[in-house]
Amino acid sequence: MSAQVKVAHFEQSPARASARHVLQLRAAIQELAEAHRPSRMPFFHSLRSLPREVATDSRLLGEIHLIYQAAMHATRAAVYFLPHLNSPALRKRKLQIFIDDDGLPGGDTHHYQLTRAFRNIGASCLLDDEDFGDPAELARHLDGEAAEFVRLAPVLYASSLGPWCAVETMSDDWMRALAEALAAHFPQFVEEPYFAECFAQGVEERHAEESLAVTECVLRERPRLLTATLRDAEAIAEALDGVWRQLHRVVQRASR
């Protein structure tokens, strides 16, 4: 049964969302993540396959940085508004996620690391780091699916824990796909701290496990939330597909 079918089933019979259904959360999210696995999207292959003179164009790299960084920023900022995590124990666990993203040694953050990684390969970044702020303002610098994702992420993250689970479960896959695609043109790219530290420390895999474990804790107490959890997880996964499609179009235009 697909994640979409599961959602429809729970919407038809919400009163049956029992502890047995809560145990299905992990399988449903994993199934959803596989169905929307980012590395399957043509963007990563098309980027890897670009002629070097195109792949090294500073403007193209700047466009990729803007769209990718905006999507990442939208989810990182939205994590601060996750619902249902108000007990001391759950706040403590949520804090560790904040620290992993925004509390790195020396005042560093994943946001700053990513920008440095792109600048180090010659990207002409189109937006200063500190201009990545309120989603509504940031969306004005974007168009298409990227703008839609930036607007949607904070709404979905504040509604349920499903989008968080879906994004964290897929993040290691897309980070590796992006690193490998750009490393075909810039071999040192995979050694940038944004990638190397996350991969070496299993940061994204740890976040995926923690998001599922925390959400299971919540659903054991409030199993009726399962329907919205899976519905919103599917919504963010579909929106993220749109980001990769837009990036693919950017690469295709550059290749022509």
Protein backbone atom coordinates (compact mmCIF):
# COMPACT_ATOMS: atom_id res chain seq x y z
CA MET A 1 0.00 0.00 0.00
CA SER A 2 1.50 3.35 -1.06
CA ALA A 3 1.82 6.30 1.32
CA GLN A 4 -0.87 8.08 -0.66
CA VAL A 5 -3.25 5.14 -0.32
CA LYS A 6 -2.47 4.90 3.39
CA VAL A 7 -3.38 8.57 3.81
CA ALA A 8 -6.68 8.04 2.01
CA HIS A 9 -7.42 5.02 4.20
CA PHE A 10 -6.85 6.93 7.43
CA GLU A 11 -8.93 9.85 6.22
CA GLN A 12 -11.80 7.46 5.62
CA SER A 13 -11.60 5.93 9.10
CA PRO A 14 -9.79 8.31 11.49
CA ALA A 15 -11.31 6.70 14.57
CA ARG A 16 -9.31 3.54 13.83
CA ALA A 17 -5.96 5.33 14.08
CA SER A 18 -4.81 3.15 16.99
CA ALA A 19 -1.42 2.22 18.38
CA ARG A 20 -1.22 -0.42 15.64
CA HIS A 21 -1.42 2.30 13.02
CA VAL A 22 1.18 4.40 14.83
CA LEU A 23 3.65 1.57 14.37
CA GLN A 24 3.15 1.91 10.62
CA LEU A 25 4.53 5.46 10.56
CA ARG A 26 8.13 4.43 9.94
CA ALA A 27 7.27 2.10 7.09
CA ALA A 28 4.99 4.69 5.48
CA ILE A 29 7.64 7.42 5.61
CA GLN A 30 10.33 5.11 4.27
CA GLU A 31 8.03 4.09 1.42
CA LEU A 32 7.27 7.73 0.69
CA ALA A 33 10.96 8.64 0.74
CA GLU A 34 11.76 5.88 -1.72
CA ALA A 35 8.92 6.90 -4.05
CA HIS A 36 10.21 10.50 -4.03
CA ARG A 37 13.92 9.65 -3.74
CA PRO A 38 15.68 12.85 -4.88
CA SER A 39 18.62 11.13 -6.59
CA ARG A 40 16.20 9.60 -9.10
CA MET A 41 15.42 13.07 -10.46
CA PRO A 42 17.13 14.03 -13.76
CA PHE A 43 18.64 17.23 -12.33
CA PHE A 44 21.54 15.44 -10.70
CA HIS A 45 22.44 13.43 -13.81
CA SER A 46 22.12 16.45 -16.09
CA LEU A 47 24.34 18.53 -13.81
CA ARG A 48 26.97 15.80 -13.66
CA SER A 49 26.88 15.41 -17.45
CA LEU A 50 27.33 19.08 -18.37
CA PRO A 51 30.32 20.09 -20.46
CA ARG A 52 32.93 21.58 -18.17
CA GLU A 53 32.75 25.02 -19.75
CA VAL A 54 29.03 25.13 -18.90
CA ALA A 55 29.28 23.54 -15.45
CA THR A 56 31.90 26.06 -14.36
CA ASP A 57 29.85 29.10 -15.37
CA SER A 58 29.65 31.34 -12.31
CA ARG A 59 26.11 32.52 -13.08
CA LEU A 60 24.77 28.98 -13.44
CA LEU A 61 26.38 27.98 -10.15
CA GLY A 62 24.85 31.07 -8.56
CA GLU A 63 21.37 30.12 -9.79
CA ILE A 64 21.75 26.59 -8.44
CA HIS A 65 22.97 27.97 -5.12
CA LEU A 66 20.03 30.36 -4.80
CA ILE A 67 17.35 27.74 -5.44
CA TYR A 68 18.98 25.01 -3.36
CA GLN A 69 19.94 27.29 -0.47
CA ALA A 70 16.44 28.81 -0.41
CA ALA A 71 14.82 25.38 -0.13
CA MET A 72 17.24 24.32 2.59
CA HIS A 73 16.77 27.59 4.46
CA ALA A 74 13.00 27.22 4.35
CA THR A 75 13.15 23.83 6.07
CA ARG A 76 15.84 24.81 8.58
CA ALA A 77 13.84 27.87 9.65
CA ALA A 78 10.59 25.91 9.74
CA VAL A 79 12.02 23.37 12.21
CA TYR A 80 11.83 26.07 14.90
CA PHE A 81 8.03 25.98 14.63
CA LEU A 82 7.44 22.23 14.82
CA PRO A 83 4.23 21.44 16.75
CA HIS A 84 3.58 18.95 19.58
CA LEU A 85 7.12 19.08 21.01
CA ASN A 86 6.46 21.19 24.08
CA SER A 87 7.43 18.85 26.90
CA PRO A 88 10.88 19.38 28.46
CA ALA A 89 12.17 16.05 27.13
CA LEU A 90 11.02 16.72 23.58
CA ARG A 91 12.27 20.31 23.63
CA LYS A 92 15.67 18.96 24.61
CA ARG A 93 15.68 16.59 21.66
CA LYS A 94 14.53 19.31 19.27
CA LEU A 95 17.32 21.58 20.53
CA GLN A 96 19.94 19.11 19.33
CA ILE A 97 18.56 19.42 15.80
CA PHE A 98 18.90 23.20 16.05
CA ILE A 99 22.48 22.86 17.25
CA ASP A 100 23.44 20.49 14.43
CA ASP A 101 22.22 23.02 11.84
CA ASP A 102 22.77 26.43 13.40
CA GLY A 103 25.12 25.93 16.36
CA LEU A 104 28.32 24.62 14.83
CA PRO A 105 31.71 25.42 16.44
CA GLY A 106 32.94 28.97 15.97
CA GLY A 107 29.49 30.35 15.23
CA ASP A 108 29.27 28.46 11.95
CA THR A 109 26.07 27.06 10.44
CA HIS A 110 25.13 24.74 7.61
CA HIS A 111 23.82 27.79 5.77
CA TYR A 112 27.19 29.54 5.84
CA GLN A 113 29.02 26.31 5.01
CA LEU A 114 26.92 25.78 1.91
CA THR A 115 27.50 29.30 0.62
CA ARG A 116 31.26 28.95 1.14
CA ALA A 117 31.21 25.64 -0.73
CA PHE A 118 29.62 27.29 -3.76
CA ARG A 119 31.82 30.36 -3.64
CA ASN A 120 34.87 28.12 -3.49
CA ILE A 121 33.94 26.67 -6.89
CA GLY A 122 33.38 30.11 -8.40
CA ALA A 123 29.66 30.70 -7.94
CA SER A 124 28.39 34.25 -8.23
CA CYS A 125 25.87 34.08 -5.42
CA LEU A 126 22.76 36.07 -6.27
CA LEU A 127 21.66 36.74 -2.70
CA ASP A 128 23.64 37.57 0.43
CA ASP A 129 23.41 35.09 3.29
CA GLU A 130 21.57 37.48 5.58
CA ASP A 131 18.91 38.08 2.92
CA PHE A 132 17.66 34.54 3.43
CA GLY A 133 15.09 35.48 6.04
CA ASP A 134 11.32 35.48 6.19
CA PRO A 135 9.90 32.95 3.69
CA ALA A 136 7.48 35.44 2.15
CA GLU A 137 10.32 37.89 1.51
CA LEU A 138 12.67 35.19 0.26
CA ALA A 139 10.06 33.86 -2.18
CA ARG A 140 10.12 37.22 -3.97
CA HIS A 141 13.64 36.43 -5.14
CA LEU A 142 12.46 33.14 -6.64
CA ASP A 143 9.94 31.86 -9.12
CA GLY A 144 8.25 28.61 -10.06
CA GLU A 145 8.38 25.57 -7.83
CA ALA A 146 11.18 26.98 -5.68
CA ALA A 147 9.03 29.93 -4.63
CA GLU A 148 6.12 27.59 -3.97
CA PHE A 149 8.28 25.32 -1.80
CA VAL A 150 9.63 28.22 0.25
CA ARG A 151 6.09 29.44 0.93
CA LEU A 152 4.72 25.98 1.65
CA ALA A 153 7.42 24.59 3.95
CA PRO A 154 6.68 26.79 6.99
CA VAL A 155 2.95 26.13 6.69
CA LEU A 156 3.37 22.36 6.55
CA TYR A 157 6.04 22.17 9.23
CA ALA A 158 3.85 24.12 11.64
CA SER A 159 0.89 21.82 10.95
CA SER A 160 2.34 18.39 11.67
CA LEU A 161 5.57 16.45 12.10
CA GLY A 162 5.18 14.58 8.81
CA PRO A 163 7.04 17.06 6.58
CA TRP A 164 9.98 17.07 9.00
CA CYS A 165 10.12 13.26 8.91
CA ALA A 166 9.96 13.15 5.12
CA VAL A 167 12.62 15.81 4.54
CA GLU A 168 15.04 14.39 7.10
CA THR A 169 14.61 10.89 5.69
CA MET A 170 15.47 12.07 2.16
CA SER A 171 18.18 14.63 2.95
CA ASP A 172 21.20 12.31 2.98
CA ASP A 173 20.21 11.03 -0.47
CA TRP A 174 20.01 14.46 -2.12
CA MET A 175 23.15 15.76 -0.41
CA ARG A 176 25.17 12.83 -1.74
CA ALA A 177 23.64 13.23 -5.19
CA LEU A 178 24.48 16.94 -5.30
CA ALA A 179 28.01 16.42 -3.99
CA GLU A 180 28.70 13.69 -6.55
CA ALA A 181 27.23 15.70 -9.42
CA LEU A 182 29.37 18.78 -8.74
CA ALA A 183 32.42 16.70 -7.83
CA ALA A 184 32.46 15.50 -11.44
CA HIS A 185 33.54 19.07 -12.31
CA PHE A 186 35.07 20.16 -8.98
CA PRO A 187 36.65 17.12 -7.25
CA GLN A 188 37.30 19.09 -4.06
CA PHE A 189 33.60 19.86 -3.63
CA VAL A 190 32.88 16.71 -1.62
CA GLU A 191 35.57 17.76 0.86
CA GLU A 192 33.71 20.95 1.80
CA PRO A 193 32.60 20.84 5.47
CA TYR A 194 28.92 21.13 4.49
CA PHE A 195 29.20 17.68 2.93
CA ALA A 196 32.24 16.04 4.54
CA GLU A 197 31.22 16.70 8.14
CA CYS A 198 27.64 15.58 7.60
CA PHE A 199 28.69 12.39 5.85
CA ALA A 200 31.46 11.54 8.32
CA GLN A 201 29.25 12.12 11.35
CA GLY A 202 26.06 10.67 9.88
CA VAL A 203 24.24 13.90 10.69
CA GLU A 204 21.39 13.53 8.22
CA GLU A 205 20.87 9.86 9.00
CA ARG A 206 20.76 10.70 12.71
CA HIS A 207 18.22 13.45 12.05
CA ALA A 208 16.08 11.05 10.04
CA GLU A 209 16.04 8.52 12.85
CA GLU A 210 15.36 11.17 15.47
CA SER A 211 12.49 12.72 13.53
CA LEU A 212 10.79 9.34 13.25
CA ALA A 213 11.43 8.42 16.88
CA VAL A 214 10.13 11.74 18.20
CA THR A 215 7.06 11.59 15.97
CA GLU A 216 6.33 8.06 17.17
CA CYS A 217 6.43 9.37 20.75
CA VAL A 218 3.86 12.00 19.87
CA LEU A 219 1.60 9.62 17.96
CA ARG A 220 1.53 7.08 20.77
CA GLU A 221 -0.14 9.75 22.86
CA ARG A 222 -2.18 11.29 20.01
CA PRO A 223 -2.75 8.60 17.35
CA ARG A 224 -5.43 10.67 15.60
CA LEU A 225 -2.63 12.90 14.31
CA LEU A 226 -1.42 10.14 12.01
CA THR A 227 -3.67 11.09 9.10
CA ALA A 228 -2.40 14.68 8.96
CA THR A 229 1.16 13.49 9.57
CA LEU A 230 1.20 11.29 6.48
CA ARG A 231 -0.81 13.72 4.36
CA ASP A 232 1.59 16.59 5.05
CA ALA A 233 4.61 14.34 4.53
CA GLU A 234 3.35 13.52 1.05
CA ALA A 235 2.70 17.20 0.33
CA ILE A 236 6.25 18.27 1.17
CA ALA A 237 7.72 15.37 -0.82
CA GLU A 238 5.76 16.40 -3.90
CA ALA A 239 6.78 20.04 -3.44
CA LEU A 240 10.44 19.03 -3.14
CA ASP A 241 10.16 17.12 -6.41
CA GLY A 242 9.21 20.47 -7.92
CA VAL A 243 12.43 22.05 -6.68
CA TRP A 244 14.50 19.37 -8.44
CA ARG A 245 12.44 19.83 -11.60
CA GLN A 246 13.10 23.56 -11.58
CA LEU A 247 16.82 22.99 -11.06
CA HIS A 248 16.79 20.57 -13.98
CA ARG A 249 15.29 23.25 -16.21
CA VAL A 250 17.98 25.70 -15.09
CA VAL A 251 20.68 23.21 -16.12
CA GLN A 252 18.94 22.45 -19.41
CA ARG A 253 18.77 26.14 -20.31
CA ALA A 254 22.46 26.54 -19.52
CA SER A 255 23.39 23.54 -21.65
CA ARG A 256 21.63 25.07 -24.66
